[in-house]
PDB file of all heavy atoms in Angstrom:
ATOM      1  N   LEU A   1      -0.899 -93.422 129.149  1.00  0.00           N
ATOM      2  CA  LEU A   1       0.557 -93.233 129.593  1.00  0.00           C
ATOM      3  C   LEU A   1       1.371 -94.525 129.326  1.00  0.00           C
ATOM      4  O   LEU A   1       2.530 -94.270 128.810  1.00  0.00           O
ATOM      5  CB  LEU A   1       0.569 -93.006 131.060  1.00  0.00           C
ATOM      6  CG  LEU A   1      -0.054 -91.647 131.667  1.00  0.00           C
ATOM      7  CD1 LEU A   1      -0.077 -91.550 133.177  1.00  0.00           C
ATOM      8  CD2 LEU A   1       0.838 -90.469 131.120  1.00  0.00           C
ATOM      9  N   GLN A   2       0.854 -95.636 129.563  1.00  0.00           N
ATOM     10  CA  GLN A   2       1.594 -96.836 129.135  1.00  0.00           C
ATOM     11  C   GLN A   2       1.902 -97.039 127.711  1.00  0.00           C
ATOM     12  O   GLN A   2       3.057 -97.331 127.308  1.00  0.00           O
ATOM     13  CB  GLN A   2       0.762 -98.054 129.578  1.00  0.00           C
ATOM     14  CG  GLN A   2       1.515 -99.516 129.474  1.00  0.00           C
ATOM     15  CD  GLN A   2       0.691-100.637 129.975  1.00  0.00           C
ATOM     16  OE1 GLN A   2      -0.511-100.411 130.152  1.00  0.00           O
ATOM     17  NE2 GLN A   2       1.215-101.812 129.973  1.00  0.00           N
ATOM     18  N   ARG A   3       0.943 -96.585 126.875  1.00  0.00           N
ATOM     19  CA  ARG A   3       1.120 -96.627 125.420  1.00  0.00           C
ATOM     20  C   ARG A   3       2.369 -95.587 125.021  1.00  0.00           C
ATOM     21  O   ARG A   3       3.240 -95.903 124.287  1.00  0.00           O
ATOM     22  CB  ARG A   3      -0.177 -96.263 124.652  1.00  0.00           C
ATOM     23  CG  ARG A   3       0.030 -96.331 123.078  1.00  0.00           C
ATOM     24  CD  ARG A   3      -1.223 -95.646 122.591  1.00  0.00           C
ATOM     25  NE  ARG A   3      -1.264 -94.189 123.005  1.00  0.00           N
ATOM     26  CZ  ARG A   3      -2.367 -93.478 122.723  1.00  0.00           C
ATOM     27  NH1 ARG A   3      -3.426 -93.931 122.218  1.00  0.00           N
ATOM     28  NH2 ARG A   3      -2.446 -92.120 123.142  1.00  0.00           N
ATOM     29  N   ASN A   4       2.177 -94.371 125.641  1.00  0.00           N
ATOM     30  CA  ASN A   4       3.265 -93.360 125.266  1.00  0.00           C
ATOM     31  C   ASN A   4       4.616 -93.802 125.747  1.00  0.00           C
ATOM     32  O   ASN A   4       5.550 -93.582 124.979  1.00  0.00           O
ATOM     33  CB  ASN A   4       2.793 -91.992 125.850  1.00  0.00           C
ATOM     34  CG  ASN A   4       1.746 -91.411 125.102  1.00  0.00           C
ATOM     35  OD1 ASN A   4       1.201 -91.913 124.164  1.00  0.00           O
ATOM     36  ND2 ASN A   4       1.316 -90.124 125.545  1.00  0.00           N
ATOM     37  N   PHE A   5       4.764 -94.331 126.978  1.00  0.00           N
ATOM     38  CA  PHE A   5       5.958 -94.797 127.502  1.00  0.00           C
ATOM     39  C   PHE A   5       6.548 -95.885 126.676  1.00  0.00           C
ATOM     40  O   PHE A   5       7.663 -95.968 126.460  1.00  0.00           O
ATOM     41  CB  PHE A   5       5.910 -95.121 128.945  1.00  0.00           C
ATOM     42  CG  PHE A   5       5.728 -93.979 129.868  1.00  0.00           C
ATOM     43  CD1 PHE A   5       4.810 -94.025 130.946  1.00  0.00           C
ATOM     44  CD2 PHE A   5       6.269 -92.806 129.633  1.00  0.00           C
ATOM     45  CE1 PHE A   5       4.603 -93.039 131.885  1.00  0.00           C
ATOM     46  CE2 PHE A   5       6.082 -91.691 130.426  1.00  0.00           C
ATOM     47  CZ  PHE A   5       5.282 -91.781 131.473  1.00  0.00           C
ATOM     48  N   GLN A   6       5.741 -96.828 126.184  1.00  0.00           N
ATOM     49  CA  GLN A   6       6.045 -97.918 125.290  1.00  0.00           C
ATOM     50  C   GLN A   6       6.695 -97.418 123.966  1.00  0.00           C
ATOM     51  O   GLN A   6       7.624 -97.859 123.449  1.00  0.00           O
ATOM     52  CB  GLN A   6       4.896 -98.841 125.156  1.00  0.00           C
ATOM     53  CG  GLN A   6       5.247-100.098 124.298  1.00  0.00           C
ATOM     54  CD  GLN A   6       6.232-101.013 124.899  1.00  0.00           C
ATOM     55  OE1 GLN A   6       6.286-101.092 126.096  1.00  0.00           O
ATOM     56  NE2 GLN A   6       7.290-101.609 124.114  1.00  0.00           N
ATOM     57  N   LEU A   7       5.968 -96.375 123.494  1.00  0.00           N
ATOM     58  CA  LEU A   7       6.430 -95.759 122.247  1.00  0.00           C
ATOM     59  C   LEU A   7       7.815 -95.072 122.431  1.00  0.00           C
ATOM     60  O   LEU A   7       8.678 -95.235 121.619  1.00  0.00           O
ATOM     61  CB  LEU A   7       5.428 -94.860 121.685  1.00  0.00           C
ATOM     62  CG  LEU A   7       4.117 -95.324 121.128  1.00  0.00           C
ATOM     63  CD1 LEU A   7       3.209 -94.273 120.756  1.00  0.00           C
ATOM     64  CD2 LEU A   7       4.401 -96.172 119.867  1.00  0.00           C
ATOM     65  N   MET A   8       7.885 -94.448 123.594  1.00  0.00           N
ATOM     66  CA  MET A   8       9.263 -93.732 123.879  1.00  0.00           C
ATOM     67  C   MET A   8      10.341 -94.791 123.975  1.00  0.00           C
ATOM     68  O   MET A   8      11.339 -94.487 123.641  1.00  0.00           O
ATOM     69  CB  MET A   8       8.978 -92.989 125.086  1.00  0.00           C
ATOM     70  CG  MET A   8       8.301 -91.666 125.001  1.00  0.00           C
ATOM     71  SD  MET A   8       7.792 -90.885 126.495  1.00  0.00           S
ATOM     72  CE  MET A   8       9.403 -90.148 126.934  1.00  0.00           C
ATOM     73  N   ARG A   9      10.073 -95.879 124.642  1.00  0.00           N
ATOM     74  CA  ARG A   9      10.945 -97.020 124.842  1.00  0.00           C
ATOM     75  C   ARG A   9      11.503 -97.523 123.315  1.00  0.00           C
ATOM     76  O   ARG A   9      12.632 -97.804 123.099  1.00  0.00           O
ATOM     77  CB  ARG A   9      10.455 -98.090 125.543  1.00  0.00           C
ATOM     78  CG  ARG A   9      11.423 -99.223 125.760  1.00  0.00           C
ATOM     79  CD  ARG A   9      10.885-100.416 126.690  1.00  0.00           C
ATOM     80  NE  ARG A   9      10.663 -99.906 128.111  1.00  0.00           N
ATOM     81  CZ  ARG A   9      10.103-100.636 129.018  1.00  0.00           C
ATOM     82  NH1 ARG A   9       9.728-101.904 128.722  1.00  0.00           N
ATOM     83  NH2 ARG A   9       9.926-100.173 130.231  1.00  0.00           N
ATOM     84  N   GLU A  10      10.480 -97.743 122.419  1.00  0.00           N
ATOM     85  CA  GLU A  10      10.778 -98.250 121.085  1.00  0.00           C
ATOM     86  C   GLU A  10      11.605 -97.144 120.434  1.00  0.00           C
ATOM     87  O   GLU A  10      12.570 -97.551 119.595  1.00  0.00           O
ATOM     88  CB  GLU A  10       9.526 -98.375 120.391  1.00  0.00           C
ATOM     89  CG  GLU A  10       8.623 -99.649 120.913  1.00  0.00           C
ATOM     90  CD  GLU A  10       7.274 -99.899 120.220  1.00  0.00           C
ATOM     91  OE1 GLU A  10       7.136 -99.098 119.247  1.00  0.00           O
ATOM     92  OE2 GLU A  10       6.553-100.668 120.617  1.00  0.00           O
ATOM     93  N   LEU A  11      11.282 -95.904 120.499  1.00  0.00           N
ATOM     94  CA  LEU A  11      12.097 -94.909 119.891  1.00  0.00           C
ATOM     95  C   LEU A  11      13.495 -94.825 120.443  1.00  0.00           C
ATOM     96  O   LEU A  11      14.527 -94.645 119.674  1.00  0.00           O
ATOM     97  CB  LEU A  11      11.491 -93.461 120.059  1.00  0.00           C
ATOM     98  CG  LEU A  11      10.206 -93.180 119.273  1.00  0.00           C
ATOM     99  CD1 LEU A  11       9.516 -91.912 119.691  1.00  0.00           C
ATOM    100  CD2 LEU A  11      10.567 -93.240 117.910  1.00  0.00           C
ATOM    101  N   ASP A  12      13.602 -95.114 121.719  1.00  0.00           N
ATOM    102  CA  ASP A  12      14.970 -95.055 122.401  1.00  0.00           C
ATOM    103  C   ASP A  12      15.796 -96.403 121.777  1.00  0.00           C
ATOM    104  O   ASP A  12      16.921 -96.118 121.483  1.00  0.00           O
ATOM    105  CB  ASP A  12      14.859 -95.426 123.914  1.00  0.00           C
ATOM    106  CG  ASP A  12      14.934 -94.087 124.685  1.00  0.00           C
ATOM    107  OD1 ASP A  12      15.577 -93.096 124.169  1.00  0.00           O
ATOM    108  OD2 ASP A  12      14.389 -94.104 125.831  1.00  0.00           O
ATOM    109  N   GLN A  13      15.146 -97.443 121.662  1.00  0.00           N
ATOM    110  CA  GLN A  13      15.893 -98.722 121.089  1.00  0.00           C
ATOM    111  C   GLN A  13      16.110 -98.329 119.647  1.00  0.00           C
ATOM    112  O   GLN A  13      17.371 -98.833 119.258  1.00  0.00           O
ATOM    113  CB  GLN A  13      14.852 -99.918 121.216  1.00  0.00           C
ATOM    114  CG  GLN A  13      15.593-101.213 120.678  1.00  0.00           C
ATOM    115  CD  GLN A  13      16.830-101.489 121.634  1.00  0.00           C
ATOM    116  OE1 GLN A  13      16.702-101.453 122.816  1.00  0.00           O
ATOM    117  NE2 GLN A  13      17.850-101.742 120.978  1.00  0.00           N
ATOM    118  N   ARG A  14      15.359 -97.811 118.893  1.00  0.00           N
ATOM    119  CA  ARG A  14      15.766 -97.467 117.555  1.00  0.00           C
ATOM    120  C   ARG A  14      16.870 -96.541 117.402  1.00  0.00           C
ATOM    121  O   ARG A  14      17.755 -96.632 116.562  1.00  0.00           O
ATOM    122  CB  ARG A  14      14.473 -96.774 116.827  1.00  0.00           C
ATOM    123  CG  ARG A  14      13.346 -97.778 116.501  1.00  0.00           C
ATOM    124  CD  ARG A  14      12.219 -96.868 115.813  1.00  0.00           C
ATOM    125  NE  ARG A  14      10.991 -97.841 115.661  1.00  0.00           N
ATOM    126  CZ  ARG A  14       9.913 -97.359 115.204  1.00  0.00           C
ATOM    127  NH1 ARG A  14       9.914 -96.162 114.627  1.00  0.00           N
ATOM    128  NH2 ARG A  14       8.853 -98.161 115.040  1.00  0.00           N
ATOM    129  N   THR A  15      16.891 -95.545 118.312  1.00  0.00           N
ATOM    130  CA  THR A  15      18.041 -94.549 118.442  1.00  0.00           C
ATOM    131  C   THR A  15      19.380 -95.240 118.753  1.00  0.00           C
ATOM    132  O   THR A  15      20.487 -95.011 118.050  1.00  0.00           O
ATOM    133  CB  THR A  15      17.749 -93.479 119.376  1.00  0.00           C
ATOM    134  OG1 THR A  15      16.567 -92.888 119.054  1.00  0.00           O
ATOM    135  CG2 THR A  15      18.953 -92.390 119.503  1.00  0.00           C
ATOM    136  N   GLU A  16      19.246 -96.171 119.707  1.00  0.00           N
ATOM    137  CA  GLU A  16      20.444 -96.904 120.098  1.00  0.00           C
ATOM    138  C   GLU A  16      20.972 -97.801 118.904  1.00  0.00           C
ATOM    139  O   GLU A  16      22.147 -97.979 118.738  1.00  0.00           O
ATOM    140  CB  GLU A  16      20.269 -97.813 121.377  1.00  0.00           C
ATOM    141  CG  GLU A  16      19.975 -97.149 122.656  1.00  0.00           C
ATOM    142  CD  GLU A  16      21.211 -96.204 122.981  1.00  0.00           C
ATOM    143  OE1 GLU A  16      22.348 -96.598 122.771  1.00  0.00           O
ATOM    144  OE2 GLU A  16      20.999 -95.005 123.335  1.00  0.00           O
ATOM    145  N   ASP A  17      20.065 -98.400 118.184  1.00  0.00           N
ATOM    146  CA  ASP A  17      20.418 -99.273 117.038  1.00  0.00           C
ATOM    147  C   ASP A  17      21.100 -98.427 116.059  1.00  0.00           C
ATOM    148  O   ASP A  17      21.965 -98.866 115.406  1.00  0.00           O
ATOM    149  CB  ASP A  17      19.215-100.067 116.478  1.00  0.00           C
ATOM    150  CG  ASP A  17      18.637-101.087 117.454  1.00  0.00           C
ATOM    151  OD1 ASP A  17      19.419-101.406 118.383  1.00  0.00           O
ATOM    152  OD2 ASP A  17      17.544-101.477 117.180  1.00  0.00           O
ATOM    153  N   LYS A  18      20.552 -97.257 115.758  1.00  0.00           N
ATOM    154  CA  LYS A  18      21.164 -96.335 114.731  1.00  0.00           C
ATOM    155  C   LYS A  18      22.506 -95.830 115.146  1.00  0.00           C
ATOM    156  O   LYS A  18      23.300 -95.684 114.430  1.00  0.00           O
ATOM    157  CB  LYS A  18      20.069 -95.217 114.497  1.00  0.00           C
ATOM    158  CG  LYS A  18      20.389 -94.407 113.240  1.00  0.00           C
ATOM    159  CD  LYS A  18      20.366 -95.181 112.041  1.00  0.00           C
ATOM    160  CE  LYS A  18      18.947 -95.765 111.650  1.00  0.00           C
ATOM    161  NZ  LYS A  18      19.139 -96.398 110.304  1.00  0.00           N
ATOM    162  N   LYS A  19      22.534 -95.617 116.425  1.00  0.00           N
ATOM    163  CA  LYS A  19      23.919 -95.172 116.975  1.00  0.00           C
ATOM    164  C   LYS A  19      25.022 -96.234 116.740  1.00  0.00           C
ATOM    165  O   LYS A  19      26.049 -95.921 116.348  1.00  0.00           O
ATOM    166  CB  LYS A  19      23.783 -94.835 118.451  1.00  0.00           C
ATOM    167  CG  LYS A  19      23.176 -93.417 118.679  1.00  0.00           C
ATOM    168  CD  LYS A  19      22.721 -93.253 120.156  1.00  0.00           C
ATOM    169  CE  LYS A  19      23.997 -93.199 120.990  1.00  0.00           C
ATOM    170  NZ  LYS A  19      23.654 -92.865 122.432  1.00  0.00           N
ATOM    171  N   ALA A  20      24.622 -97.462 116.992  1.00  0.00           N
ATOM    172  CA  ALA A  20      25.512 -98.571 116.764  1.00  0.00           C
ATOM    173  C   ALA A  20      25.915 -98.696 115.257  1.00  0.00           C
ATOM    174  O   ALA A  20      27.092 -98.972 114.865  1.00  0.00           O
ATOM    175  CB  ALA A  20      24.931 -99.913 117.258  1.00  0.00           C
ATOM    176  N   GLU A  21      24.927 -98.503 114.409  1.00  0.00           N
ATOM    177  CA  GLU A  21      25.145 -98.427 113.037  1.00  0.00           C
ATOM    178  C   GLU A  21      26.145 -97.270 112.523  1.00  0.00           C
ATOM    179  O   GLU A  21      27.047 -97.522 111.725  1.00  0.00           O
ATOM    180  CB  GLU A  21      23.813 -98.301 112.213  1.00  0.00           C
ATOM    181  CG  GLU A  21      23.929 -98.358 110.728  1.00  0.00           C
ATOM    182  CD  GLU A  21      22.725 -98.007 109.987  1.00  0.00           C
ATOM    183  OE1 GLU A  21      21.606 -98.231 110.575  1.00  0.00           O
ATOM    184  OE2 GLU A  21      22.703 -97.666 108.812  1.00  0.00           O
ATOM    185  N   ILE A  22      25.955 -96.201 113.226  1.00  0.00           N
ATOM    186  CA  ILE A  22      26.802 -95.093 112.900  1.00  0.00           C
ATOM    187  C   ILE A  22      28.318 -95.351 113.352  1.00  0.00           C
ATOM    188  O   ILE A  22      29.187 -95.053 112.591  1.00  0.00           O
ATOM    189  CB  ILE A  22      26.367 -93.699 113.611  1.00  0.00           C
ATOM    190  CG1 ILE A  22      25.014 -93.271 113.058  1.00  0.00           C
ATOM    191  CG2 ILE A  22      27.352 -92.628 113.546  1.00  0.00           C
ATOM    192  CD1 ILE A  22      24.370 -92.181 113.759  1.00  0.00           C
ATOM    193  N   ASP A  23      28.455 -95.904 114.543  1.00  0.00           N
ATOM    194  CA  ASP A  23      29.768 -96.313 114.997  1.00  0.00           C
ATOM    195  C   ASP A  23      30.395 -97.307 113.964  1.00  0.00           C
ATOM    196  O   ASP A  23      31.636 -97.358 113.751  1.00  0.00           O
ATOM    197  CB  ASP A  23      29.707 -96.929 116.356  1.00  0.00           C
ATOM    198  CG  ASP A  23      29.316 -95.860 117.399  1.00  0.00           C
ATOM    199  OD1 ASP A  23      29.467 -94.772 117.164  1.00  0.00           O
ATOM    200  OD2 ASP A  23      28.852 -96.286 118.542  1.00  0.00           O
ATOM    201  N   SER A  24      29.650 -98.252 113.587  1.00  0.00           N
ATOM    202  CA  SER A  24      30.181 -99.285 112.708  1.00  0.00           C
ATOM    203  C   SER A  24      30.540 -98.677 111.234  1.00  0.00           C
ATOM    204  O   SER A  24      31.749 -98.944 110.809  1.00  0.00           O
ATOM    205  CB  SER A  24      29.139-100.384 112.494  1.00  0.00           C
ATOM    206  OG  SER A  24      29.577-101.318 111.393  1.00  0.00           O
ATOM    207  N   LEU A  25      29.808 -97.773 110.773  1.00  0.00           N
ATOM    208  CA  LEU A  25      30.074 -97.117 109.544  1.00  0.00           C
ATOM    209  C   LEU A  25      31.377 -96.236 109.630  1.00  0.00           C
ATOM    210  O   LEU A  25      32.088 -96.129 108.754  1.00  0.00           O
ATOM    211  CB  LEU A  25      28.915 -96.205 109.093  1.00  0.00           C
ATOM    212  CG  LEU A  25      27.638 -96.976 108.497  1.00  0.00           C
ATOM    213  CD1 LEU A  25      26.482 -96.012 108.366  1.00  0.00           C
ATOM    214  CD2 LEU A  25      28.017 -97.833 107.150  1.00  0.00           C
ATOM    215  N   ALA A  26      31.370 -95.543 110.764  1.00  0.00           N
ATOM    216  CA  ALA A  26      32.594 -94.599 111.016  1.00  0.00           C
ATOM    217  C   ALA A  26      33.855 -95.422 111.194  1.00  0.00           C
ATOM    218  O   ALA A  26      34.959 -95.082 110.575  1.00  0.00           O
ATOM    219  CB  ALA A  26      32.340 -93.835 112.341  1.00  0.00           C
ATOM    220  N   ALA A  27      33.793 -96.610 111.914  1.00  0.00           N
ATOM    221  CA  ALA A  27      35.042 -97.444 112.075  1.00  0.00           C
ATOM    222  C   ALA A  27      35.393 -97.972 110.685  1.00  0.00           C
ATOM    223  O   ALA A  27      36.583 -98.023 110.344  1.00  0.00           O
ATOM    224  CB  ALA A  27      34.713 -98.530 113.026  1.00  0.00           C
ATOM    225  N   GLU A  28      34.460 -98.427 109.956  1.00  0.00           N
ATOM    226  CA  GLU A  28      34.769 -98.843 108.504  1.00  0.00           C
ATOM    227  C   GLU A  28      35.303 -97.757 107.650  1.00  0.00           C
ATOM    228  O   GLU A  28      36.275 -98.103 106.860  1.00  0.00           O
ATOM    229  CB  GLU A  28      33.411 -99.432 107.840  1.00  0.00           C
ATOM    230  CG  GLU A  28      33.560 -99.994 106.498  1.00  0.00           C
ATOM    231  CD  GLU A  28      32.198-100.485 105.850  1.00  0.00           C
ATOM    232  OE1 GLU A  28      31.355-100.626 106.619  1.00  0.00           O
ATOM    233  OE2 GLU A  28      32.217-100.731 104.716  1.00  0.00           O
ATOM    234  N   TYR A  29      34.682 -96.557 107.741  1.00  0.00           N
ATOM    235  CA  TYR A  29      35.241 -95.478 106.950  1.00  0.00           C
ATOM    236  C   TYR A  29      36.772 -95.170 107.334  1.00  0.00           C
ATOM    237  O   TYR A  29      37.714 -94.947 106.452  1.00  0.00           O
ATOM    238  CB  TYR A  29      34.483 -94.349 107.129  1.00  0.00           C
ATOM    239  CG  TYR A  29      34.966 -93.071 106.355  1.00  0.00           C
ATOM    240  CD1 TYR A  29      34.596 -92.938 104.973  1.00  0.00           C
ATOM    241  CD2 TYR A  29      35.668 -91.997 106.960  1.00  0.00           C
ATOM    242  CE1 TYR A  29      35.012 -91.778 104.239  1.00  0.00           C
ATOM    243  CE2 TYR A  29      36.029 -90.879 106.277  1.00  0.00           C
ATOM    244  CZ  TYR A  29      35.788 -90.836 104.899  1.00  0.00           C
ATOM    245  OH  TYR A  29      36.218 -89.825 104.171  1.00  0.00           O
ATOM    246  N   ILE A  30      37.123 -95.093 108.558  1.00  0.00           N
ATOM    247  CA  ILE A  30      38.452 -94.795 109.093  1.00  0.00           C
ATOM    248  C   ILE A  30      39.417 -95.874 108.587  1.00  0.00           C
ATOM    249  O   ILE A  30      40.534 -95.548 108.287  1.00  0.00           O
ATOM    250  CB  ILE A  30      38.410 -94.589 110.684  1.00  0.00           C
ATOM    251  CG1 ILE A  30      37.580 -93.420 110.948  1.00  0.00           C
ATOM    252  CG2 ILE A  30      39.788 -94.438 111.125  1.00  0.00           C
ATOM    253  CD1 ILE A  30      37.363 -93.191 112.516  1.00  0.00           C
ATOM    254  N   GLU A  31      38.947 -97.054 108.626  1.00  0.00           N
ATOM    255  CA  GLU A  31      39.790 -98.134 108.395  1.00  0.00           C
ATOM    256  C   GLU A  31      40.233 -98.322 106.890  1.00  0.00           C
ATOM    257  O   GLU A  31      41.318 -98.617 106.419  1.00  0.00           O
ATOM    258  CB  GLU A  31      39.141 -99.501 108.741  1.00  0.00           C
ATOM    259  CG  GLU A  31      40.073-100.789 108.587  1.00  0.00           C
ATOM    260  CD  GLU A  31      39.386-101.961 109.056  1.00  0.00           C
ATOM    261  OE1 GLU A  31      38.251-101.854 109.578  1.00  0.00           O
ATOM    262  OE2 GLU A  31      39.835-103.111 108.749  1.00  0.00           O
ATOM    263  N   SER A  32      39.176 -97.900 105.980  1.00  0.00           N
ATOM    264  CA  SER A  32      39.508 -98.096 104.587  1.00  0.00           C
ATOM    265  C   SER A  32      39.580 -96.757 103.765  1.00  0.00           C
ATOM    266  O   SER A  32      39.474 -96.974 102.550  1.00  0.00           O
ATOM    267  CB  SER A  32      38.561 -99.123 104.006  1.00  0.00           C
ATOM    268  OG  SER A  32      37.100 -98.604 104.230  1.00  0.00           O
ATOM    269  N   VAL A  33      39.494 -95.644 104.416  1.00  0.00           N
ATOM    270  CA  VAL A  33      39.499 -94.390 103.743  1.00  0.00           C
ATOM    271  C   VAL A  33      40.572 -94.183 102.699  1.00  0.00           C
ATOM    272  O   VAL A  33      40.445 -93.554 101.606  1.00  0.00           O
ATOM    273  CB  VAL A  33      39.311 -93.192 104.793  1.00  0.00           C
ATOM    274  CG1 VAL A  33      40.640 -93.072 105.457  1.00  0.00           C
ATOM    275  CG2 VAL A  33      39.035 -91.840 103.989  1.00  0.00           C
ATOM    276  N   LYS A  34      41.767 -94.726 103.107  1.00  0.00           N
ATOM    277  CA  LYS A  34      42.942 -94.512 102.244  1.00  0.00           C
ATOM    278  C   LYS A  34      42.773 -95.265 100.893  1.00  0.00           C
ATOM    279  O   LYS A  34      43.510 -94.840  99.877  1.00  0.00           O
ATOM    280  CB  LYS A  34      44.178 -94.942 102.914  1.00  0.00           C
ATOM    281  CG  LYS A  34      44.537 -94.145 104.170  1.00  0.00           C
ATOM    282  CD  LYS A  34      45.828 -94.570 104.856  1.00  0.00           C
ATOM    283  CE  LYS A  34      46.155 -93.793 106.076  1.00  0.00           C
ATOM    284  NZ  LYS A  34      47.445 -94.260 106.731  1.00  0.00           N
ATOM    285  N   ASN A  35      42.026 -96.337 101.020  1.00  0.00           N
ATOM    286  CA  ASN A  35      41.991 -97.095  99.663  1.00  0.00           C
ATOM    287  C   ASN A  35      40.653 -96.823  98.961  1.00  0.00           C
ATOM    288  O   ASN A  35      40.425 -97.388  97.858  1.00  0.00           O
ATOM    289  CB  ASN A  35      41.978 -98.629 100.062  1.00  0.00           C
ATOM    290  CG  ASN A  35      43.303 -99.004 100.848  1.00  0.00           C
ATOM    291  OD1 ASN A  35      44.286 -98.437 100.399  1.00  0.00           O
ATOM    292  ND2 ASN A  35      43.124 -99.941 101.693  1.00  0.00           N
ATOM    293  N   MET A  36      39.882 -95.810  99.305  1.00  0.00           N
ATOM    294  CA  MET A  36      38.724 -95.464  98.663  1.00  0.00           C
ATOM    295  C   MET A  36      38.846 -94.496  97.568  1.00  0.00           C
ATOM    296  O   MET A  36      39.729 -93.618  97.741  1.00  0.00           O
ATOM    297  CB  MET A  36      37.661 -94.934  99.719  1.00  0.00           C
ATOM    298  CG  MET A  36      37.037 -95.957 100.668  1.00  0.00           C
ATOM    299  SD  MET A  36      35.842 -95.131 101.743  1.00  0.00           S
ATOM    300  CE  MET A  36      35.179 -96.623 102.650  1.00  0.00           C
ATOM    301  N   LEU A  37      37.905 -94.596  96.624  1.00  0.00           N
ATOM    302  CA  LEU A  37      37.951 -93.464  95.583  1.00  0.00           C
ATOM    303  C   LEU A  37      37.211 -92.432  96.116  1.00  0.00           C
ATOM    304  O   LEU A  37      36.354 -92.505  97.140  1.00  0.00           O
ATOM    305  CB  LEU A  37      37.296 -94.142  94.323  1.00  0.00           C
ATOM    306  CG  LEU A  37      37.987 -95.216  93.604  1.00  0.00           C
ATOM    307  CD1 LEU A  37      37.231 -95.841  92.405  1.00  0.00           C
ATOM    308  CD2 LEU A  37      39.408 -94.765  93.071  1.00  0.00           C
ATOM    309  N   PRO A  38      37.358 -91.153  95.507  1.00  0.00           N
ATOM    310  CA  PRO A  38      36.604 -90.048  95.994  1.00  0.00           C
ATOM    311  C   PRO A  38      35.065 -90.206  96.028  1.00  0.00           C
ATOM    312  O   PRO A  38      34.420 -89.804  96.963  1.00  0.00           O
ATOM    313  CB  PRO A  38      37.069 -88.936  95.070  1.00  0.00           C
ATOM    314  CG  PRO A  38      38.244 -89.242  94.606  1.00  0.00           C
ATOM    315  CD  PRO A  38      38.348 -90.798  94.565  1.00  0.00           C
ATOM    316  N   GLU A  39      34.587 -90.951  95.000  1.00  0.00           N
ATOM    317  CA  GLU A  39      33.115 -91.188  94.878  1.00  0.00           C
ATOM    318  C   GLU A  39      32.636 -92.111  96.003  1.00  0.00           C
ATOM    319  O   GLU A  39      31.556 -91.911  96.710  1.00  0.00           O
ATOM    320  CB  GLU A  39      32.648 -91.904  93.508  1.00  0.00           C
ATOM    321  CG  GLU A  39      32.970 -90.882  92.458  1.00  0.00           C
ATOM    322  CD  GLU A  39      34.490 -90.934  91.951  1.00  0.00           C
ATOM    323  OE1 GLU A  39      35.219 -91.676  92.462  1.00  0.00           O
ATOM    324  OE2 GLU A  39      34.751 -90.131  91.105  1.00  0.00           O
TER     325      GLU A  39
END
């Protein structure tokens, strides 16, 4: 049980880190989308 809960906590942390990355990418996209090329 301790091992499974530890793995779940690690997955939670990875998810939160990835969500922060998504927020950062989205903010960057919104800020500079007008100056970006289609590609």
